[in-house]
């Protein structure tokens, strides 16, 4: 119990109030509704066969069927109206593939939604730290959205065939005794398939939920910013320039020491000597001018 309390204390359940977590909760709930309404179904219809010889009649023939709707294995006994013998009849059709596919998608959706909610509530920082987690979540959600669409359409078609195959008026046409004009066959009770109709509705609701959730997961992947040209992956760091010598920033200006033209050397020393000559401060030999008359 202490472990549970610690996990609850560490959890970030505020994500459930946000669209990312709230839709996952709806997916989890409607996945349960979808596979439970289909996988737990059992139905029954009732009909009667009244022979010309009333002692051979059967006025309460009950036919039961259930998930996964392998109707070709469902049988019932009907009177032949010929000496009190019974004839065994089977329903037509096998619709287990579409029904089982629908239930399988529902179960796996339920498990994935529960796992994703656990990640959102307990390790959301790691989920958002690296975009790979969100990208995997996006791909898996897209796959489930497509699978829900396919399975719901397939099960809707399968349910239509199940209704036709379990229609008492249609089943009566399979009974040989009902072909005789002196015998009377009629339906008494139709199967209730409202639960199966609800399962199809839940299937298409799941399609809407999983497709709608793609947008909120897409915003977590970083792909939107990448398409806009502003996203920099956290794993890749931009290299810093070694120096500014590249591109001519560190080149020496040849005119750096001579601003505004020629700069004289004020360290030169010059003056008049006693003999009337002018001495310059260069290393060259002094030149003196004298008037020789």
C-alpha atoms as a PDB file:
ATOM      1  CA  UNK A   1       0.000   0.000   0.000  1.00  0.00           C
ATOM      2  CA  UNK A   2       2.905   2.332   0.716  1.00  0.00           C
ATOM      3  CA  UNK A   3       4.272   1.727  -2.768  1.00  0.00           C
ATOM      4  CA  UNK A   4       0.931   2.689  -4.302  1.00  0.00           C
ATOM      5  CA  UNK A   5       0.739   5.850  -2.215  1.00  0.00           C
ATOM      6  CA  UNK A   6       4.296   6.775  -3.226  1.00  0.00           C
ATOM      7  CA  UNK A   7       3.506   6.310  -6.911  1.00  0.00           C
ATOM      8  CA  UNK A   8       0.365   8.395  -6.575  1.00  0.00           C
ATOM      9  CA  UNK A   9       2.322  11.114  -4.777  1.00  0.00           C
ATOM     10  CA  UNK A  10       4.954  11.192  -7.508  1.00  0.00           C
ATOM     11  CA  UNK A  11       2.453  11.162 -10.349  1.00  0.00           C
ATOM     12  CA  UNK A  12       1.625  14.189 -12.448  1.00  0.00           C
ATOM     13  CA  UNK A  13      -2.099  13.692 -12.866  1.00  0.00           C
ATOM     14  CA  UNK A  14      -2.638  17.229 -14.109  1.00  0.00           C
ATOM     15  CA  UNK A  15      -1.819  15.877 -17.589  1.00  0.00           C
ATOM     16  CA  UNK A  16      -5.275  14.260 -17.545  1.00  0.00           C
ATOM     17  CA  UNK A  17      -6.793  17.747 -17.610  1.00  0.00           C
ATOM     18  CA  UNK A  18      -4.852  18.555 -20.768  1.00  0.00           C
ATOM     19  CA  UNK A  19      -5.990  17.367 -24.213  1.00  0.00           C
ATOM     20  CA  UNK A  20      -3.056  14.977 -24.566  1.00  0.00           C
ATOM     21  CA  UNK A  21      -4.028  13.002 -21.465  1.00  0.00           C
ATOM     22  CA  UNK A  22      -7.782  13.563 -21.518  1.00  0.00           C
ATOM     23  CA  UNK A  23      -8.222  12.031 -24.974  1.00  0.00           C
ATOM     24  CA  UNK A  24      -6.115   9.048 -23.885  1.00  0.00           C
ATOM     25  CA  UNK A  25      -8.578   8.493 -21.028  1.00  0.00           C
ATOM     26  CA  UNK A  26     -11.478   8.600 -23.496  1.00  0.00           C
ATOM     27  CA  UNK A  27      -9.673   6.145 -25.773  1.00  0.00           C
ATOM     28  CA  UNK A  28      -9.154   3.809 -22.838  1.00  0.00           C
ATOM     29  CA  UNK A  29     -12.851   3.961 -21.845  1.00  0.00           C
ATOM     30  CA  UNK A  30     -14.341   3.613 -25.325  1.00  0.00           C
ATOM     31  CA  UNK A  31     -11.984   0.754 -26.182  1.00  0.00           C
ATOM     32  CA  UNK A  32     -13.462  -1.151 -23.224  1.00  0.00           C
ATOM     33  CA  UNK A  33     -16.986  -0.377 -24.413  1.00  0.00           C
ATOM     34  CA  UNK A  34     -16.198  -1.488 -27.958  1.00  0.00           C
ATOM     35  CA  UNK A  35     -14.688  -4.906 -27.301  1.00  0.00           C
ATOM     36  CA  UNK A  36     -16.954  -5.716 -24.335  1.00  0.00           C
ATOM     37  CA  UNK A  37     -20.240  -5.063 -26.164  1.00  0.00           C
ATOM     38  CA  UNK A  38     -19.115  -7.272 -29.034  1.00  0.00           C
ATOM     39  CA  UNK A  39     -17.157  -9.965 -27.220  1.00  0.00           C
ATOM     40  CA  UNK A  40     -19.750 -10.635 -24.531  1.00  0.00           C
ATOM     41  CA  UNK A  41     -22.771 -10.864 -26.813  1.00  0.00           C
ATOM     42  CA  UNK A  42     -25.123 -13.838 -26.877  1.00  0.00           C
ATOM     43  CA  UNK A  43     -28.466 -13.856 -28.648  1.00  0.00           C
ATOM     44  CA  UNK A  44     -31.441 -16.070 -29.268  1.00  0.00           C
ATOM     45  CA  UNK A  45     -34.402 -16.244 -31.583  1.00  0.00           C
ATOM     46  CA  UNK A  46     -37.485 -18.446 -31.453  1.00  0.00           C
ATOM     47  CA  UNK A  47     -39.816 -19.926 -34.049  1.00  0.00           C
ATOM     48  CA  UNK A  48     -42.464 -22.582 -34.323  1.00  0.00           C
ATOM     49  CA  UNK A  49     -43.288 -25.409 -36.762  1.00  0.00           C
ATOM     50  CA  UNK A  50     -46.934 -26.508 -36.730  1.00  0.00           C
ATOM     51  CA  UNK A  51     -47.492 -29.737 -38.634  1.00  0.00           C
ATOM     52  CA  UNK A  52     -50.770 -30.973 -40.061  1.00  0.00           C
ATOM     53  CA  UNK A  53     -50.520 -33.681 -37.421  1.00  0.00           C
ATOM     54  CA  UNK A  54     -50.492 -31.530 -34.280  1.00  0.00           C
ATOM     55  CA  UNK A  55     -48.749 -34.208 -32.249  1.00  0.00           C
ATOM     56  CA  UNK A  56     -45.619 -33.794 -34.348  1.00  0.00           C
ATOM     57  CA  UNK A  57     -45.495 -29.997 -34.055  1.00  0.00           C
ATOM     58  CA  UNK A  58     -42.849 -28.019 -32.169  1.00  0.00           C
ATOM     59  CA  UNK A  59     -44.104 -24.570 -31.185  1.00  0.00           C
ATOM     60  CA  UNK A  60     -41.005 -23.404 -29.331  1.00  0.00           C
ATOM     61  CA  UNK A  61     -37.779 -23.933 -31.296  1.00  0.00           C
ATOM     62  CA  UNK A  62     -35.044 -21.832 -29.697  1.00  0.00           C
ATOM     63  CA  UNK A  63     -31.803 -21.078 -31.510  1.00  0.00           C
ATOM     64  CA  UNK A  64     -28.956 -19.532 -29.510  1.00  0.00           C
ATOM     65  CA  UNK A  65     -25.798 -17.990 -30.950  1.00  0.00           C
ATOM     66  CA  UNK A  66     -22.947 -15.897 -29.540  1.00  0.00           C
ATOM     67  CA  UNK A  67     -19.571 -14.373 -30.190  1.00  0.00           C
ATOM     68  CA  UNK A  68     -17.470 -15.128 -32.294  1.00  0.00           C
ATOM     69  CA  UNK A  69     -20.468 -15.845 -34.579  1.00  0.00           C
ATOM     70  CA  UNK A  70     -19.424 -19.129 -36.169  1.00  0.00           C
ATOM     71  CA  UNK A  71     -23.012 -19.637 -37.214  1.00  0.00           C
ATOM     72  CA  UNK A  72     -22.280 -22.672 -39.365  1.00  0.00           C
ATOM     73  CA  UNK A  73     -21.629 -24.538 -36.099  1.00  0.00           C
ATOM     74  CA  UNK A  74     -24.970 -23.533 -34.557  1.00  0.00           C
ATOM     75  CA  UNK A  75     -27.613 -26.244 -34.967  1.00  0.00           C
ATOM     76  CA  UNK A  76     -31.196 -26.855 -33.901  1.00  0.00           C
ATOM     77  CA  UNK A  77     -33.672 -29.715 -34.268  1.00  0.00           C
ATOM     78  CA  UNK A  78     -36.961 -29.278 -36.147  1.00  0.00           C
ATOM     79  CA  UNK A  79     -39.789 -31.706 -36.814  1.00  0.00           C
ATOM     80  CA  UNK A  80     -40.061 -33.325 -40.215  1.00  0.00           C
ATOM     81  CA  UNK A  81     -43.837 -33.709 -39.875  1.00  0.00           C
ATOM     82  CA  UNK A  82     -43.366 -37.248 -41.153  1.00  0.00           C
ATOM     83  CA  UNK A  83     -43.790 -39.840 -38.431  1.00  0.00           C
ATOM     84  CA  UNK A  84     -42.455 -37.725 -35.527  1.00  0.00           C
ATOM     85  CA  UNK A  85     -38.842 -37.731 -36.614  1.00  0.00           C
ATOM     86  CA  UNK A  86     -36.507 -34.783 -35.991  1.00  0.00           C
ATOM     87  CA  UNK A  87     -34.248 -33.107 -38.525  1.00  0.00           C
ATOM     88  CA  UNK A  88     -31.072 -31.246 -37.513  1.00  0.00           C
ATOM     89  CA  UNK A  89     -30.465 -27.946 -39.239  1.00  0.00           C
ATOM     90  CA  UNK A  90     -27.505 -25.539 -39.168  1.00  0.00           C
ATOM     91  CA  UNK A  91     -27.340 -21.800 -39.582  1.00  0.00           C
ATOM     92  CA  UNK A  92     -25.337 -20.385 -42.468  1.00  0.00           C
ATOM     93  CA  UNK A  93     -22.147 -18.314 -42.402  1.00  0.00           C
ATOM     94  CA  UNK A  94     -18.944 -17.813 -40.441  1.00  0.00           C
ATOM     95  CA  UNK A  95     -18.386 -14.206 -39.355  1.00  0.00           C
ATOM     96  CA  UNK A  96     -15.769 -14.847 -36.709  1.00  0.00           C
ATOM     97  CA  UNK A  97     -12.921 -13.166 -38.598  1.00  0.00           C
ATOM     98  CA  UNK A  98     -14.391  -9.663 -38.589  1.00  0.00           C
ATOM     99  CA  UNK A  99     -15.713  -9.981 -35.041  1.00  0.00           C
ATOM    100  CA  UNK A 100     -12.447 -11.292 -33.609  1.00  0.00           C
ATOM    101  CA  UNK A 101     -10.441  -8.677 -35.473  1.00  0.00           C
ATOM    102  CA  UNK A 102     -12.623  -5.936 -34.011  1.00  0.00           C
ATOM    103  CA  UNK A 103     -12.301  -7.287 -30.474  1.00  0.00           C
ATOM    104  CA  UNK A 104      -8.534  -7.759 -30.841  1.00  0.00           C
ATOM    105  CA  UNK A 105      -8.039  -4.131 -31.878  1.00  0.00           C
ATOM    106  CA  UNK A 106     -10.172  -3.065 -28.934  1.00  0.00           C
ATOM    107  CA  UNK A 107      -8.135  -5.080 -26.435  1.00  0.00           C
ATOM    108  CA  UNK A 108      -4.770  -3.866 -27.736  1.00  0.00           C
ATOM    109  CA  UNK A 109      -6.050  -0.278 -27.823  1.00  0.00           C
ATOM    110  CA  UNK A 110      -7.106  -0.629 -24.208  1.00  0.00           C
ATOM    111  CA  UNK A 111      -3.658  -1.921 -23.211  1.00  0.00           C
ATOM    112  CA  UNK A 112      -1.761   0.740 -25.158  1.00  0.00           C
ATOM    113  CA  UNK A 113      -3.928   3.558 -23.803  1.00  0.00           C
ATOM    114  CA  UNK A 114      -3.310   2.346 -20.266  1.00  0.00           C
ATOM    115  CA  UNK A 115       0.452   2.158 -20.891  1.00  0.00           C
ATOM    116  CA  UNK A 116       0.518   5.629 -22.477  1.00  0.00           C
ATOM    117  CA  UNK A 117      -1.393   7.089 -19.537  1.00  0.00           C
ATOM    118  CA  UNK A 118       1.161   5.590 -17.167  1.00  0.00           C
ATOM    119  CA  UNK A 119       3.953   7.260 -19.126  1.00  0.00           C
ATOM    120  CA  UNK A 120       2.143  10.602 -19.142  1.00  0.00           C
ATOM    121  CA  UNK A 121       1.490  10.512 -15.407  1.00  0.00           C
ATOM    122  CA  UNK A 122       4.793   9.176 -14.068  1.00  0.00           C
ATOM    123  CA  UNK A 123       7.589   9.872 -16.575  1.00  0.00           C
ATOM    124  CA  UNK A 124       6.296  12.844 -18.510  1.00  0.00           C
ATOM    125  CA  UNK A 125       9.645  14.647 -18.202  1.00  0.00           C
ATOM    126  CA  UNK A 126      11.484  11.850 -19.961  1.00  0.00           C
ATOM    127  CA  UNK A 127       8.705  11.664 -22.541  1.00  0.00           C
ATOM    128  CA  UNK A 128       9.193  15.332 -23.405  1.00  0.00           C
ATOM    129  CA  UNK A 129      12.959  15.390 -22.880  1.00  0.00           C
ATOM    130  CA  UNK A 130      13.604  13.478 -26.067  1.00  0.00           C
ATOM    131  CA  UNK A 131      11.270  13.793 -29.039  1.00  0.00           C
ATOM    132  CA  UNK A 132      11.732  10.124 -29.949  1.00  0.00           C
ATOM    133  CA  UNK A 133       9.169   9.062 -27.351  1.00  0.00           C
ATOM    134  CA  UNK A 134       6.538  11.369 -28.816  1.00  0.00           C
ATOM    135  CA  UNK A 135       7.424  10.273 -32.344  1.00  0.00           C
ATOM    136  CA  UNK A 136       6.934   6.605 -31.439  1.00  0.00           C
ATOM    137  CA  UNK A 137       3.651   7.525 -29.765  1.00  0.00           C
ATOM    138  CA  UNK A 138       2.542   9.330 -32.913  1.00  0.00           C
ATOM    139  CA  UNK A 139       3.324   6.376 -35.193  1.00  0.00           C
ATOM    140  CA  UNK A 140       1.587   3.856 -32.934  1.00  0.00           C
ATOM    141  CA  UNK A 141      -1.464   6.109 -32.589  1.00  0.00           C
ATOM    142  CA  UNK A 142      -1.662   6.498 -36.369  1.00  0.00           C
ATOM    143  CA  UNK A 143      -1.529   2.711 -36.785  1.00  0.00           C
ATOM    144  CA  UNK A 144      -4.316   2.217 -34.250  1.00  0.00           C
ATOM    145  CA  UNK A 145      -6.438   4.907 -35.922  1.00  0.00           C
ATOM    146  CA  UNK A 146      -6.129   3.074 -39.232  1.00  0.00           C
ATOM    147  CA  UNK A 147      -6.818  -0.306 -37.613  1.00  0.00           C
ATOM    148  CA  UNK A 148      -9.910   1.045 -35.895  1.00  0.00           C
ATOM    149  CA  UNK A 149     -11.220   2.301 -39.224  1.00  0.00           C
ATOM    150  CA  UNK A 150     -10.608  -1.025 -40.956  1.00  0.00           C
ATOM    151  CA  UNK A 151     -11.946  -3.181 -38.130  1.00  0.00           C
ATOM    152  CA  UNK A 152     -15.052  -1.029 -37.618  1.00  0.00           C
ATOM    153  CA  UNK A 153     -15.933  -1.149 -41.306  1.00  0.00           C
ATOM    154  CA  UNK A 154     -15.319  -4.897 -41.435  1.00  0.00           C
ATOM    155  CA  UNK A 155     -17.392  -5.546 -38.338  1.00  0.00           C
ATOM    156  CA  UNK A 156     -20.224  -3.315 -39.594  1.00  0.00           C
ATOM    157  CA  UNK A 157     -20.400  -5.481 -42.720  1.00  0.00           C
ATOM    158  CA  UNK A 158     -20.101  -8.658 -40.642  1.00  0.00           C
ATOM    159  CA  UNK A 159     -22.902  -7.531 -38.327  1.00  0.00           C
ATOM    160  CA  UNK A 160     -25.157  -6.909 -41.291  1.00  0.00           C
ATOM    161  CA  UNK A 161     -24.534 -10.486 -42.434  1.00  0.00           C
ATOM    162  CA  UNK A 162     -25.139 -11.830 -38.911  1.00  0.00           C
ATOM    163  CA  UNK A 163     -28.513 -10.081 -38.792  1.00  0.00           C
ATOM    164  CA  UNK A 164     -29.466 -11.613 -42.126  1.00  0.00           C
ATOM    165  CA  UNK A 165     -28.312 -15.105 -41.148  1.00  0.00           C
ATOM    166  CA  UNK A 166     -30.194 -15.034 -37.832  1.00  0.00           C
ATOM    167  CA  UNK A 167     -33.420 -13.583 -39.181  1.00  0.00           C
ATOM    168  CA  UNK A 168     -36.121 -16.140 -38.249  1.00  0.00           C
ATOM    169  CA  UNK A 169     -37.984 -15.571 -41.509  1.00  0.00           C
ATOM    170  CA  UNK A 170     -34.844 -16.491 -43.424  1.00  0.00           C
ATOM    171  CA  UNK A 171     -34.098 -19.487 -41.215  1.00  0.00           C
ATOM    172  CA  UNK A 172     -37.611 -20.835 -41.786  1.00  0.00           C
ATOM    173  CA  UNK A 173     -36.817 -21.169 -45.483  1.00  0.00           C
ATOM    174  CA  UNK A 174     -34.088 -23.676 -44.532  1.00  0.00           C
ATOM    175  CA  UNK A 175     -36.572 -26.068 -42.867  1.00  0.00           C
ATOM    176  CA  UNK A 176     -37.875 -28.722 -45.295  1.00  0.00           C
ATOM    177  CA  UNK A 177     -41.161 -29.174 -43.427  1.00  0.00           C
ATOM    178  CA  UNK A 178     -41.997 -25.521 -43.956  1.00  0.00           C
ATOM    179  CA  UNK A 179     -42.029 -26.063 -47.715  1.00  0.00           C
ATOM    180  CA  UNK A 180     -45.175 -28.212 -47.390  1.00  0.00           C
ATOM    181  CA  UNK A 181     -48.356 -26.147 -47.743  1.00  0.00           C
ATOM    182  CA  UNK A 182     -50.205 -28.114 -45.051  1.00  0.00           C
ATOM    183  CA  UNK A 183     -47.597 -27.171 -42.422  1.00  0.00           C
ATOM    184  CA  UNK A 184     -47.388 -23.741 -40.833  1.00  0.00           C
ATOM    185  CA  UNK A 185     -44.119 -22.110 -39.749  1.00  0.00           C
ATOM    186  CA  UNK A 186     -43.744 -18.703 -38.119  1.00  0.00           C
ATOM    187  CA  UNK A 187     -41.339 -16.651 -36.073  1.00  0.00           C
ATOM    188  CA  UNK A 188     -42.015 -15.971 -32.420  1.00  0.00           C
ATOM    189  CA  UNK A 189     -39.065 -13.988 -31.161  1.00  0.00           C
ATOM    190  CA  UNK A 190     -36.455 -11.931 -32.995  1.00  0.00           C
ATOM    191  CA  UNK A 191     -32.871 -11.684 -31.698  1.00  0.00           C
ATOM    192  CA  UNK A 192     -31.924  -8.497 -29.872  1.00  0.00           C
ATOM    193  CA  UNK A 193     -28.879  -7.004 -31.574  1.00  0.00           C
ATOM    194  CA  UNK A 194     -28.894  -3.541 -30.004  1.00  0.00           C
ATOM    195  CA  UNK A 195     -25.667  -4.374 -28.148  1.00  0.00           C
ATOM    196  CA  UNK A 196     -23.958  -5.262 -31.422  1.00  0.00           C
ATOM    197  CA  UNK A 197     -25.180  -2.030 -32.999  1.00  0.00           C
ATOM    198  CA  UNK A 198     -23.670  -0.168 -30.062  1.00  0.00           C
ATOM    199  CA  UNK A 199     -20.329  -1.915 -30.561  1.00  0.00           C
ATOM    200  CA  UNK A 200     -20.159  -0.623 -34.131  1.00  0.00           C
ATOM    201  CA  UNK A 201     -20.961   2.888 -32.913  1.00  0.00           C
ATOM    202  CA  UNK A 202     -18.195   2.633 -30.313  1.00  0.00           C
ATOM    203  CA  UNK A 203     -15.832   1.461 -33.027  1.00  0.00           C
ATOM    204  CA  UNK A 204     -16.329   4.569 -35.135  1.00  0.00           C
ATOM    205  CA  UNK A 205     -16.123   6.781 -32.039  1.00  0.00           C
ATOM    206  CA  UNK A 206     -12.698   5.253 -31.442  1.00  0.00           C
ATOM    207  CA  UNK A 207     -11.735   6.132 -35.004  1.00  0.00           C
ATOM    208  CA  UNK A 208     -12.558   9.787 -34.321  1.00  0.00           C
ATOM    209  CA  UNK A 209     -10.718   9.786 -30.987  1.00  0.00           C
ATOM    210  CA  UNK A 210      -7.531   8.204 -32.301  1.00  0.00           C
ATOM    211  CA  UNK A 211      -7.392  10.424 -35.383  1.00  0.00           C
ATOM    212  CA  UNK A 212      -8.052  13.526 -33.271  1.00  0.00           C
ATOM    213  CA  UNK A 213      -5.329  12.573 -30.820  1.00  0.00           C
ATOM    214  CA  UNK A 214      -2.752  12.632 -33.608  1.00  0.00           C
ATOM    215  CA  UNK A 215      -2.704  16.436 -33.617  1.00  0.00           C
ATOM    216  CA  UNK A 216      -1.896  16.761 -29.913  1.00  0.00           C
ATOM    217  CA  UNK A 217       0.841  14.132 -30.127  1.00  0.00           C
ATOM    218  CA  UNK A 218       2.200  15.786 -33.274  1.00  0.00           C
ATOM    219  CA  UNK A 219       2.831  18.978 -31.303  1.00  0.00           C
ATOM    220  CA  UNK A 220       5.011  16.989 -28.893  1.00  0.00           C
ATOM    221  CA  UNK A 221       7.193  15.459 -31.628  1.00  0.00           C
ATOM    222  CA  UNK A 222       9.007  18.667 -32.622  1.00  0.00           C
ATOM    223  CA  UNK A 223       8.200  18.036 -36.287  1.00  0.00           C
ATOM    224  CA  UNK A 224       6.091  21.186 -36.484  1.00  0.00           C
ATOM    225  CA  UNK A 225       9.049  23.375 -35.488  1.00  0.00           C
ATOM    226  CA  UNK A 226      11.322  21.388 -37.806  1.00  0.00           C
ATOM    227  CA  UNK A 227       9.036  22.089 -40.759  1.00  0.00           C
ATOM    228  CA  UNK A 228       9.099  25.779 -39.843  1.00  0.00           C
ATOM    229  CA  UNK A 229      12.903  25.714 -39.781  1.00  0.00           C
ATOM    230  CA  UNK A 230      13.254  26.707 -36.122  1.00  0.00           C
ATOM    231  CA  UNK A 231      13.744  23.342 -34.446  1.00  0.00           C
ATOM    232  CA  UNK A 232      17.233  22.263 -33.353  1.00  0.00           C
ATOM    233  CA  UNK A 233      17.430  18.695 -32.031  1.00  0.00           C
ATOM    234  CA  UNK A 234      18.629  18.534 -28.466  1.00  0.00           C
ATOM    235  CA  UNK A 235      21.165  15.828 -29.295  1.00  0.00           C
ATOM    236  CA  UNK A 236      23.055  17.974 -31.790  1.00  0.00           C
ATOM    237  CA  UNK A 237      24.955  20.960 -30.492  1.00  0.00           C
ATOM    238  CA  UNK A 238      26.122  23.693 -32.773  1.00  0.00           C
ATOM    239  CA  UNK A 239      29.965  23.749 -32.909  1.00  0.00           C
ATOM    240  CA  UNK A 240      31.554  26.914 -31.603  1.00  0.00           C
ATOM    241  CA  UNK A 241      34.010  28.664 -33.921  1.00  0.00           C
ATOM    242  CA  UNK A 242      37.669  28.060 -33.055  1.00  0.00           C
ATOM    243  CA  UNK A 243      38.638  31.648 -33.581  1.00  0.00           C
ATOM    244  CA  UNK A 244      37.745  34.671 -35.552  1.00  0.00           C
ATOM    245  CA  UNK A 245      40.789  34.266 -37.753  1.00  0.00           C
ATOM    246  CA  UNK A 246      38.552  32.584 -40.338  1.00  0.00           C
ATOM    247  CA  UNK A 247      36.964  34.803 -42.881  1.00  0.00           C
ATOM    248  CA  UNK A 248      39.586  37.538 -42.511  1.00  0.00           C
ATOM    249  CA  UNK A 249      38.623  38.718 -39.009  1.00  0.00           C
ATOM    250  CA  UNK A 250      42.096  38.195 -37.576  1.00  0.00           C
ATOM    251  CA  UNK A 251      44.124  39.505 -40.520  1.00  0.00           C
ATOM    252  CA  UNK A 252      46.526  42.323 -39.779  1.00  0.00           C
ATOM    253  CA  UNK A 253      45.717  45.633 -41.318  1.00  0.00           C
ATOM    254  CA  UNK A 254      48.750  46.803 -43.205  1.00  0.00           C
ATOM    255  CA  UNK A 255      47.696  50.371 -42.578  1.00  0.00           C
ATOM    256  CA  UNK A 256      47.033  49.889 -38.885  1.00  0.00           C
ATOM    257  CA  UNK A 257      50.227  51.731 -37.921  1.00  0.00           C
ATOM    258  CA  UNK A 258      49.766  54.603 -40.291  1.00  0.00           C
ATOM    259  CA  UNK A 259      46.578  56.473 -39.792  1.00  0.00           C
ATOM    260  CA  UNK A 260      45.944  59.503 -41.884  1.00  0.00           C
ATOM    261  CA  UNK A 261      49.104  59.131 -44.007  1.00  0.00           C
ATOM    262  CA  UNK A 262      52.733  59.413 -43.058  1.00  0.00           C
ATOM    263  CA  UNK A 263      53.528  59.595 -39.331  1.00  0.00           C
ATOM    264  CA  UNK A 264      56.866  61.262 -38.593  1.00  0.00           C
ATOM    265  CA  UNK A 265      59.212  59.875 -36.031  1.00  0.00           C
ATOM    266  CA  UNK A 266      59.202  62.435 -33.262  1.00  0.00           C
ATOM    267  CA  UNK A 267      62.060  60.649 -31.605  1.00  0.00           C
ATOM    268  CA  UNK A 268      64.504  62.141 -34.135  1.00  0.00           C
ATOM    269  CA  UNK A 269      66.888  64.653 -32.718  1.00  0.00           C
ATOM    270  CA  UNK A 270      68.242  67.534 -34.701  1.00  0.00           C
ATOM    271  CA  UNK A 271      69.719  70.954 -34.173  1.00  0.00           C
ATOM    272  CA  UNK A 272      72.451  73.404 -35.064  1.00  0.00           C
ATOM    273  CA  UNK A 273      75.992  72.587 -34.154  1.00  0.00           C
ATOM    274  CA  UNK A 274      78.584  75.082 -33.103  1.00  0.00           C
ATOM    275  CA  UNK A 275      80.255  75.001 -36.439  1.00  0.00           C
ATOM    276  CA  UNK A 276      77.139  76.239 -38.137  1.00  0.00           C
ATOM    277  CA  UNK A 277      75.922  72.871 -39.449  1.00  0.00           C
ATOM    278  CA  UNK A 278      72.589  71.157 -38.999  1.00  0.00           C
ATOM    279  CA  UNK A 279      72.705  67.712 -37.423  1.00  0.00           C
ATOM    280  CA  UNK A 280      69.828  65.252 -38.103  1.00  0.00           C
ATOM    281  CA  UNK A 281      68.949  62.400 -35.827  1.00  0.00           C
ATOM    282  CA  UNK A 282      69.430  59.711 -38.434  1.00  0.00           C
ATOM    283  CA  UNK A 283      72.106  57.084 -38.398  1.00  0.00           C
ATOM    284  CA  UNK A 284      73.462  58.515 -41.634  1.00  0.00           C
ATOM    285  CA  UNK A 285      76.643  60.608 -41.704  1.00  0.00           C
ATOM    286  CA  UNK A 286      75.894  64.263 -40.946  1.00  0.00           C
ATOM    287  CA  UNK A 287      76.179  66.683 -43.776  1.00  0.00           C
ATOM    288  CA  UNK A 288      77.420  70.170 -43.121  1.00  0.00           C
ATOM    289  CA  UNK A 289      77.480  73.055 -45.421  1.00  0.00           C
ATOM    290  CA  UNK A 290      80.044  75.770 -45.102  1.00  0.00           C
ATOM    291  CA  UNK A 291      80.837  78.674 -47.311  1.00  0.00           C
ATOM    292  CA  UNK A 292      84.293  78.369 -48.607  1.00  0.00           C
ATOM    293  CA  UNK A 293      85.237  81.443 -50.146  1.00  0.00           C
END
